[in-house]
Amino acid sequence: MTVLKIWEDISGFDAIRPVVTIGSFDGVHLGHQQVIKQLNQLASEVNGESVIFTFSPHPSHVLAPHKKVVLLTTIEEKISLFQKADIKHLVLYPFSKELAQLSYREFVSQILVDKLNLHTLLVGYDHSFGKNREGNFEQLSSLAPELGFRLVRQDEVTSEGATISSTLIRNLLANGKLLDASKLLGYPYLLSGTVVHGQQLGNKLGFPTANLLAPDNKLVPGNGVYAVLVEYNGTRYQGMMNIGLRPTIDDTTHVPVIEAHLFDFGGSLYGKFIKIHIIRKLRDEYKFETVDALRVQLKKDKAFALETLAKECPLDK
């Protein structure tokens, strides 16, 4: 696997015959993966190198700061997915209001051509950029011969008649349709972050948990109990996760808590970075009459989680 080179400053950008595509790539879903596959193919055809040009922060956070925009992937998660896809270069270009005012012609000429030495530009079937989003495929078609780069259009990618998009996947997750969302992503939905101290309520139940501090702008699936694989220090552990308010044992919580219980793990994870791969939702969260009733249910949840994980993603697969 080629080491991904990350550029936050492109003043010294250096790539062989850069084959570039532009986008936010939130989720790096199946549609994005088709773009990446074609990007690598095009780069191979010209003995060039693949380049993904994306923005940090996400444009919505700059242009509409009053709106809470939740994303499918953090920058770190995207980088990991791009690395697996064998991308050679990743440009994390600082997004600003000033950049948003550039016309598509100025953006292509001043940044892609002058600074990246653009060879080939691959654009999505409906992608547009630049001020007022005027830089569509038709406009770029006349610009390409003028500025001396090749232009290629990516076909639409659909699933069961629906166009695969980050917005569609966000809606599926928000409505609890985890399996449908994961199918469009091409991988189990992921939460990652640092483990923080909780109230030790899991210990009292016999199910110690790692409480995850997730980024504010990361989409968190709806409340419930999930079968998960937890990745720490290069090793994956089977487990189950609760997202919710823990109504049976704590009626003061008003913000959902993410807490994962790892099977067959006895160490401490406080302050450690973990990844939680969400495999399947087991049940909704609800209030039990007693703590003992909850404890009995957690044992059933564990058995169900083990059964689910054994079928869908055994660790030795």
Protein backbone atom coordinates (compact mmCIF):
# COMPACT_ATOMS: atom_id res chain seq x y z
CA MET A 1 0.00 0.00 0.00
CA THR A 2 1.37 3.40 -1.01
CA VAL A 3 1.88 5.93 1.77
CA LEU A 4 -0.63 8.77 1.42
CA LYS A 5 1.02 12.18 1.25
CA ILE A 6 -1.05 14.92 2.90
CA TRP A 7 -0.77 18.55 1.82
CA GLU A 8 -2.16 21.38 3.95
CA ASP A 9 0.15 23.86 2.20
CA ILE A 10 0.38 23.44 -1.57
CA SER A 11 3.08 26.04 -2.19
CA GLY A 12 5.54 23.19 -2.71
CA PHE A 13 3.10 20.64 -4.14
CA ASP A 14 4.83 18.00 -6.21
CA ALA A 15 3.14 15.12 -8.03
CA ILE A 16 3.72 13.32 -11.30
CA ARG A 17 1.04 14.23 -13.88
CA PRO A 18 -1.61 14.92 -11.21
CA VAL A 19 -5.00 13.35 -11.84
CA VAL A 20 -7.33 15.31 -9.56
CA THR A 21 -10.87 15.11 -8.26
CA ILE A 22 -12.57 17.62 -5.97
CA GLY A 23 -15.19 17.19 -3.25
CA SER A 24 -15.95 16.96 0.44
CA PHE A 25 -16.09 13.13 0.28
CA ASP A 26 -18.10 12.96 3.50
CA GLY A 27 -18.46 9.28 4.34
CA VAL A 28 -16.25 8.09 1.46
CA HIS A 29 -19.28 6.00 0.49
CA LEU A 30 -19.76 3.63 -2.47
CA GLY A 31 -20.33 6.52 -4.84
CA HIS A 32 -17.10 8.15 -3.72
CA GLN A 33 -15.33 4.81 -3.94
CA GLN A 34 -16.30 4.52 -7.62
CA VAL A 35 -14.85 7.99 -8.22
CA ILE A 36 -11.65 6.97 -6.44
CA LYS A 37 -11.42 3.75 -8.44
CA GLN A 38 -11.72 5.68 -11.70
CA LEU A 39 -9.26 8.31 -10.41
CA ASN A 40 -6.63 5.63 -9.81
CA GLN A 41 -7.34 4.06 -13.22
CA LEU A 42 -6.93 7.39 -14.99
CA ALA A 43 -3.69 8.04 -13.12
CA SER A 44 -2.38 4.62 -14.11
CA GLU A 45 -3.22 5.25 -17.78
CA VAL A 46 -1.00 8.35 -17.91
CA ASN A 47 1.65 7.08 -15.46
CA GLY A 48 0.53 9.83 -13.12
CA GLU A 49 -0.52 10.11 -9.50
CA SER A 50 -3.99 10.35 -7.99
CA VAL A 51 -4.91 13.48 -6.03
CA ILE A 52 -8.00 14.14 -3.94
CA PHE A 53 -8.62 17.83 -3.33
CA THR A 54 -10.90 18.47 -0.37
CA PHE A 55 -11.48 21.23 2.14
CA SER A 56 -10.91 21.75 5.84
CA PRO A 57 -13.04 22.81 7.56
CA HIS A 58 -16.12 21.59 5.72
CA PRO A 59 -17.54 24.46 3.61
CA SER A 60 -20.86 24.38 5.47
CA HIS A 61 -19.11 25.22 8.75
CA VAL A 62 -17.78 28.42 7.17
CA LEU A 63 -20.70 29.46 4.99
CA ALA A 64 -23.49 28.53 7.41
CA PRO A 65 -21.99 28.55 10.93
CA HIS A 66 -25.46 29.07 12.46
CA LYS A 67 -26.55 25.67 11.17
CA LYS A 68 -25.40 22.52 12.93
CA VAL A 69 -24.01 20.34 10.15
CA VAL A 70 -23.22 16.81 11.24
CA LEU A 71 -20.81 14.76 9.17
CA LEU A 72 -20.35 11.06 8.51
CA THR A 73 -16.56 11.14 8.80
CA THR A 74 -13.97 13.15 10.66
CA ILE A 75 -10.82 14.27 8.86
CA GLU A 76 -8.88 11.45 10.57
CA GLU A 77 -11.42 8.85 9.44
CA LYS A 78 -11.33 10.17 5.87
CA ILE A 79 -7.55 9.99 5.80
CA SER A 80 -7.67 6.35 6.90
CA LEU A 81 -10.22 5.50 4.17
CA PHE A 82 -8.22 7.32 1.48
CA GLN A 83 -5.09 5.47 2.58
CA LYS A 84 -6.86 2.13 2.15
CA ALA A 85 -8.03 3.23 -1.32
CA ASP A 86 -4.41 3.70 -2.42
CA ILE A 87 -4.69 7.43 -3.08
CA LYS A 88 -1.27 9.03 -3.55
CA HIS A 89 -1.96 12.65 -2.52
CA LEU A 90 -4.56 14.33 -0.33
CA VAL A 91 -4.90 18.11 -0.38
CA LEU A 92 -6.65 19.53 2.71
CA TYR A 93 -7.19 23.05 1.42
CA PRO A 94 -8.22 25.72 3.94
CA PHE A 95 -11.77 26.78 3.14
CA SER A 96 -12.70 30.42 3.66
CA LYS A 97 -15.30 32.95 2.56
CA GLU A 98 -12.66 34.48 0.31
CA LEU A 99 -12.11 31.13 -1.42
CA ALA A 100 -15.86 30.77 -1.89
CA GLN A 101 -15.87 34.01 -3.88
CA LEU A 102 -13.48 32.66 -6.53
CA SER A 103 -15.14 31.84 -9.82
CA TYR A 104 -14.67 28.32 -11.14
CA ARG A 105 -12.30 29.73 -13.78
CA GLU A 106 -10.17 31.44 -11.12
CA PHE A 107 -10.17 28.34 -8.94
CA VAL A 108 -9.09 26.02 -11.76
CA SER A 109 -6.54 28.43 -13.19
CA GLN A 110 -5.00 29.82 -10.00
CA ILE A 111 -5.05 26.69 -7.83
CA LEU A 112 -5.43 23.51 -9.87
CA VAL A 113 -3.36 24.52 -12.89
CA ASP A 114 -0.85 27.02 -11.48
CA LYS A 115 -0.20 25.34 -8.12
CA LEU A 116 -0.95 21.65 -8.71
CA ASN A 117 0.10 21.51 -12.37
CA LEU A 118 -3.18 19.74 -13.19
CA HIS A 119 -3.00 17.03 -15.86
CA THR A 120 -6.50 15.47 -15.64
CA LEU A 121 -9.61 16.59 -13.77
CA LEU A 122 -12.26 14.00 -12.88
CA VAL A 123 -15.63 15.47 -11.91
CA GLY A 124 -18.71 13.79 -10.51
CA TYR A 125 -21.79 13.45 -12.73
CA ASP A 126 -23.52 16.43 -11.04
CA HIS A 127 -20.59 18.11 -9.29
CA SER A 128 -20.07 21.85 -9.56
CA PHE A 129 -17.85 24.32 -7.73
CA GLY A 130 -16.74 27.93 -7.68
CA LYS A 131 -18.80 31.04 -6.92
CA ASN A 132 -22.53 30.30 -7.28
CA ARG A 133 -21.49 26.73 -8.17
CA GLU A 134 -21.15 27.68 -11.82
CA GLY A 135 -18.26 25.32 -12.51
CA ASN A 136 -20.21 22.37 -13.91
CA PHE A 137 -19.08 19.84 -16.48
CA GLU A 138 -20.35 21.87 -19.44
CA GLN A 139 -18.48 25.00 -18.38
CA LEU A 140 -15.33 23.02 -17.63
CA SER A 141 -15.51 21.36 -21.06
CA SER A 142 -14.73 24.66 -22.74
CA LEU A 143 -12.14 25.62 -20.12
CA ALA A 144 -10.11 22.39 -20.36
CA PRO A 145 -8.61 22.91 -23.85
CA GLU A 146 -7.96 26.57 -23.07
CA LEU A 147 -5.93 25.78 -19.94
CA GLY A 148 -4.46 22.54 -21.24
CA PHE A 149 -5.88 19.79 -19.04
CA ARG A 150 -7.96 16.69 -19.72
CA LEU A 151 -11.51 16.53 -18.37
CA VAL A 152 -13.34 13.29 -17.52
CA ARG A 153 -16.86 12.87 -16.17
CA GLN A 154 -17.77 10.19 -13.60
CA ASP A 155 -21.09 8.43 -14.16
CA GLU A 156 -23.83 8.47 -11.56
CA VAL A 157 -23.68 5.66 -8.98
CA THR A 158 -27.03 4.30 -7.76
CA SER A 159 -28.31 1.63 -5.42
CA GLU A 160 -31.77 0.17 -6.04
CA GLY A 161 -32.65 3.16 -8.18
CA ALA A 162 -31.54 5.81 -5.68
CA THR A 163 -28.49 8.00 -6.14
CA ILE A 164 -25.93 7.30 -3.43
CA SER A 165 -25.22 10.48 -1.51
CA SER A 166 -23.94 11.58 1.89
CA THR A 167 -27.29 13.26 2.56
CA LEU A 168 -29.19 10.02 1.92
CA ILE A 169 -26.90 8.12 4.29
CA ARG A 170 -27.26 10.76 7.00
CA ASN A 171 -31.04 10.48 6.74
CA LEU A 172 -30.89 6.69 6.99
CA LEU A 173 -28.74 6.87 10.12
CA ALA A 174 -30.96 9.53 11.67
CA ASN A 175 -33.96 7.24 11.13
CA GLY A 176 -32.25 4.22 12.68
CA LYS A 177 -31.67 2.39 9.39
CA LEU A 178 -28.11 1.44 10.23
CA LEU A 179 -27.89 -1.60 7.97
CA ASP A 180 -29.14 0.32 4.92
CA ALA A 181 -26.68 3.14 5.64
CA SER A 182 -23.76 0.75 6.04
CA LYS A 183 -24.59 -0.92 2.71
CA LEU A 184 -24.32 2.44 0.95
CA LEU A 185 -21.14 3.30 2.81
CA GLY A 186 -19.58 -0.03 1.87
CA TYR A 187 -18.40 -0.57 5.45
CA PRO A 188 -19.88 -0.49 8.98
CA TYR A 189 -20.56 3.04 10.22
CA LEU A 190 -17.78 4.28 12.45
CA LEU A 191 -17.48 6.33 15.62
CA SER A 192 -14.01 7.22 16.84
CA GLY A 193 -12.58 9.34 19.60
CA THR A 194 -10.93 9.46 23.00
CA VAL A 195 -12.17 7.43 25.97
CA VAL A 196 -13.16 9.64 28.90
CA HIS A 197 -14.11 8.99 32.52
CA GLY A 198 -17.78 8.27 33.11
CA GLN A 199 -19.83 7.65 36.24
CA GLN A 200 -18.68 4.04 36.62
CA LEU A 201 -22.29 2.89 36.27
CA GLY A 202 -21.29 0.04 33.98
CA ASN A 203 -18.97 -1.40 36.62
CA LYS A 204 -21.86 -1.59 39.09
CA LEU A 205 -23.83 -3.62 36.57
CA GLY A 206 -20.95 -5.97 35.80
CA PHE A 207 -20.48 -4.46 32.34
CA PRO A 208 -17.67 -1.89 32.51
CA THR A 209 -17.78 0.52 29.60
CA ALA A 210 -15.49 2.82 27.66
CA ASN A 211 -17.21 6.19 27.35
CA LEU A 212 -16.42 7.80 24.02
CA LEU A 213 -15.97 11.51 23.52
CA ALA A 214 -17.11 11.94 19.92
CA PRO A 215 -16.53 15.15 17.92
CA ASP A 216 -19.39 17.67 18.10
CA ASN A 217 -19.97 17.62 14.34
CA LYS A 218 -20.02 13.83 13.99
CA LEU A 219 -23.36 12.18 13.30
CA VAL A 220 -24.27 9.78 16.11
CA PRO A 221 -26.91 7.11 15.37
CA GLY A 222 -30.13 7.07 17.38
CA ASN A 223 -30.39 5.80 20.94
CA GLY A 224 -30.20 2.05 21.38
CA VAL A 225 -27.98 -0.97 21.95
CA TYR A 226 -25.64 -2.08 19.16
CA ALA A 227 -23.34 -4.99 18.35
CA VAL A 228 -19.90 -3.51 17.62
CA LEU A 229 -16.26 -4.18 16.95
CA VAL A 230 -13.96 -1.92 18.93
CA GLU A 231 -10.54 -1.23 17.46
CA TYR A 232 -7.72 -0.27 19.81
CA ASN A 233 -3.99 -0.28 19.19
CA GLY A 234 -4.37 -2.35 16.01
CA THR A 235 -6.56 -5.05 17.58
CA ARG A 236 -10.31 -5.51 17.23
CA TYR A 237 -12.48 -6.66 20.12
CA GLN A 238 -16.08 -7.81 19.97
CA GLY A 239 -18.47 -5.81 22.10
CA MET A 240 -21.74 -4.00 22.49
CA MET A 241 -22.49 -0.32 22.75
CA ASN A 242 -25.25 1.77 24.24
CA ILE A 243 -26.13 5.19 22.94
CA GLY A 244 -28.62 7.03 25.06
CA LEU A 245 -29.71 8.56 28.35
CA ARG A 246 -29.49 5.44 30.59
CA PRO A 247 -33.00 6.06 32.03
CA THR A 248 -32.98 3.06 34.38
CA ILE A 249 -29.96 4.16 36.43
CA ASP A 250 -29.57 7.89 35.76
CA ASP A 251 -32.54 10.21 35.27
CA THR A 252 -30.39 13.36 35.21
CA THR A 253 -28.72 12.81 31.83
CA HIS A 254 -30.10 14.91 28.98
CA VAL A 255 -27.35 14.43 26.39
CA PRO A 256 -26.88 10.96 24.85
CA VAL A 257 -23.85 9.07 26.15
CA ILE A 258 -21.81 6.71 23.99
CA GLU A 259 -20.50 3.77 26.02
CA ALA A 260 -18.99 0.55 24.71
CA HIS A 261 -18.45 -2.70 26.61
CA LEU A 262 -15.62 -4.82 25.19
CA PHE A 263 -15.84 -8.57 25.53
CA ASP A 264 -12.66 -10.31 26.72
CA PHE A 265 -10.79 -7.10 27.49
CA GLY A 266 -9.49 -6.31 30.94
CA GLY A 267 -7.25 -3.29 30.49
CA SER A 268 -7.84 0.43 30.96
CA LEU A 269 -8.75 2.59 27.97
CA TYR A 270 -8.95 5.97 29.68
CA GLY A 271 -7.36 8.63 27.49
CA LYS A 272 -6.90 6.17 24.62
CA PHE A 273 -8.13 6.61 21.05
CA ILE A 274 -10.53 3.92 19.86
CA LYS A 275 -12.66 3.19 16.81
CA ILE A 276 -16.11 1.66 17.17
CA HIS A 277 -17.36 -0.17 14.07
CA ILE A 278 -21.15 -0.39 14.43
CA ILE A 279 -22.35 -3.70 13.02
CA ARG A 280 -26.04 -4.01 13.91
CA LYS A 281 -28.64 -2.42 16.14
CA LEU A 282 -29.89 -4.95 18.69
CA ARG A 283 -32.73 -3.04 20.34
CA ASP A 284 -34.01 0.38 21.36
CA GLU A 285 -33.09 1.91 24.68
CA TYR A 286 -35.86 1.80 27.25
CA LYS A 287 -36.37 2.12 30.99
CA PHE A 288 -36.50 -1.03 33.12
CA GLU A 289 -38.44 -1.31 36.34
CA THR A 290 -35.34 -2.31 38.33
CA VAL A 291 -31.57 -2.33 37.98
CA ASP A 292 -31.65 -6.13 38.30
CA ALA A 293 -34.01 -6.33 35.31
CA LEU A 294 -31.56 -4.20 33.34
CA ARG A 295 -28.68 -6.47 34.36
CA VAL A 296 -30.60 -9.52 33.11
CA GLN A 297 -31.30 -7.77 29.81
CA LEU A 298 -27.63 -6.82 29.37
CA LYS A 299 -26.69 -10.49 29.63
CA LYS A 300 -29.22 -11.24 26.89
CA ASP A 301 -27.82 -8.34 24.84
CA LYS A 302 -24.32 -9.78 25.14
CA ALA A 303 -25.45 -13.20 23.95
CA PHE A 304 -27.32 -11.62 21.03
CA ALA A 305 -24.32 -9.44 20.17
CA LEU A 306 -21.96 -12.44 20.16
CA GLU A 307 -24.34 -14.37 17.94
CA THR A 308 -24.69 -11.44 15.55
CA LEU A 309 -20.95 -10.78 15.37
CA ALA A 310 -20.14 -14.46 14.85
CA LYS A 311 -22.44 -14.50 11.81
CA GLU A 312 -21.57 -11.15 10.26
CA CYS A 313 -17.97 -10.41 11.08
CA PRO A 314 -15.99 -13.04 12.98
CA LEU A 315 -12.63 -11.73 14.14
CA ASP A 316 -10.70 -14.45 12.28
CA LYS A 317 -12.45 -13.70 8.96
